Amino acid sequence: MFKGRLDLSRLSVGGHSFGGGTAVGATADPRSTFKACLALDSWMFPLGNDIFSRKRTTPVLYLNSEIFQWEENLVAMRKWVRQGPQTQLTIFFFF
């Protein structure tokens, strides 16, 4: 059904929470050919510190709700600034 319909030369990766952290980690794999990464409410803690020493060129967009804005998580996200392009947006919900 998908044969001939997918352009594998223009893949992106994304995920939510642990999947968001996993998607970001996937961009640091030297075999990665991802063109972009969307990390929704990414939980960065499980990645470990060794991941931040890897070279990354894939642009990352972090889209977080305020509940994912604790200090250790933000520090981990900011470590990627030195490694490549990224944007971080926070959505605040008011009830």
Protein backbone atom coordinates (compact mmCIF):
# COMPACT_ATOMS: atom_id res chain seq x y z
CA MET A 1 0.00 0.00 0.00
CA PHE A 2 2.88 2.42 0.74
CA LYS A 3 5.22 1.17 -1.99
CA GLY A 4 6.43 4.14 -4.02
CA ARG A 5 4.56 6.63 -1.82
CA LEU A 6 7.11 7.32 0.89
CA ASP A 7 10.10 9.59 0.32
CA LEU A 8 12.66 7.97 2.58
CA SER A 9 15.20 10.71 1.83
CA ARG A 10 13.08 13.25 3.77
CA LEU A 11 12.22 11.54 7.06
CA SER A 12 11.36 13.34 10.29
CA VAL A 13 10.98 11.94 13.77
CA GLY A 14 8.73 12.95 16.63
CA GLY A 15 7.26 11.78 19.89
CA HIS A 16 5.56 12.70 23.14
CA SER A 17 6.96 12.50 26.68
CA PHE A 18 9.41 9.56 26.77
CA GLY A 19 8.88 9.25 23.00
CA GLY A 20 9.88 12.91 22.63
CA GLY A 21 13.14 12.28 24.45
CA THR A 22 13.66 9.15 22.38
CA ALA A 23 13.08 11.12 19.17
CA VAL A 24 15.66 13.71 20.25
CA GLY A 25 18.09 10.91 21.11
CA ALA A 26 17.55 9.37 17.68
CA THR A 27 18.84 12.55 16.04
CA ALA A 28 22.19 12.03 17.79
CA ASP A 29 22.73 8.61 16.24
CA PRO A 30 25.57 8.94 13.69
CA ARG A 31 23.50 6.90 11.22
CA SER A 32 20.56 9.32 11.53
CA THR A 33 19.29 10.90 8.32
CA PHE A 34 16.32 12.66 9.93
CA LYS A 35 15.62 16.11 8.50
CA ALA A 36 13.69 17.41 11.54
CA CYS A 37 12.54 16.42 15.03
CA LEU A 38 9.34 17.38 16.86
CA ALA A 39 9.53 16.73 20.60
CA LEU A 40 6.18 17.15 22.36
CA ASP A 41 6.39 17.46 26.15
CA SER A 42 9.72 15.71 25.90
CA TRP A 43 11.05 13.95 28.97
CA MET A 44 14.82 14.26 28.56
CA PHE A 45 16.04 12.65 31.81
CA PRO A 46 16.19 9.03 30.53
CA LEU A 47 18.63 9.94 27.74
CA GLY A 48 21.69 9.96 29.99
CA ASN A 49 24.63 12.37 29.82
CA ASP A 50 26.62 10.53 27.14
CA ILE A 51 24.03 11.46 24.50
CA PHE A 52 24.87 15.16 24.85
CA SER A 53 28.45 14.66 23.70
CA ARG A 54 27.32 13.42 20.29
CA LYS A 55 27.23 15.72 17.28
CA ARG A 56 23.75 16.62 16.08
CA THR A 57 22.70 18.69 13.07
CA THR A 58 19.00 17.85 12.90
CA PRO A 59 16.78 20.81 13.88
CA VAL A 60 14.63 20.11 16.96
CA LEU A 61 11.36 21.82 17.87
CA TYR A 62 10.40 21.35 21.53
CA LEU A 63 6.71 22.03 22.12
CA ASN A 64 6.01 21.78 25.85
CA SER A 65 3.13 22.39 28.16
CA GLU A 66 4.05 24.04 31.45
CA ILE A 67 3.95 20.73 33.32
CA PHE A 68 7.17 19.65 31.55
CA GLN A 69 9.05 22.81 32.59
CA TRP A 70 11.00 21.53 35.60
CA GLU A 71 14.62 22.64 35.95
CA GLU A 72 16.44 19.35 35.22
CA ASN A 73 14.39 18.83 32.06
CA LEU A 74 15.07 22.38 30.83
CA VAL A 75 18.79 22.00 31.51
CA ALA A 76 18.84 18.83 29.39
CA MET A 77 16.99 20.59 26.55
CA ARG A 78 19.40 23.52 26.66
CA LYS A 79 22.41 21.20 26.34
CA TRP A 80 21.31 20.62 22.76
CA VAL A 81 21.75 24.33 21.93
CA ARG A 82 25.49 23.78 21.59
CA GLN A 83 24.93 20.76 19.39
CA GLY A 84 22.66 22.16 16.69
CA PRO A 85 19.58 24.20 15.81
CA GLN A 86 16.54 24.03 18.06
CA THR A 87 13.51 26.02 19.11
CA GLN A 88 11.67 25.69 22.39
CA LEU A 89 8.05 26.79 22.82
CA THR A 90 5.93 26.49 25.94
CA ILE A 91 2.15 26.42 26.02
CA PHE A 92 0.56 27.66 29.22
CA PHE A 93 -2.97 26.55 29.97
CA PHE A 94 -5.21 28.82 32.00
CA PHE A 95 -8.39 27.44 33.55
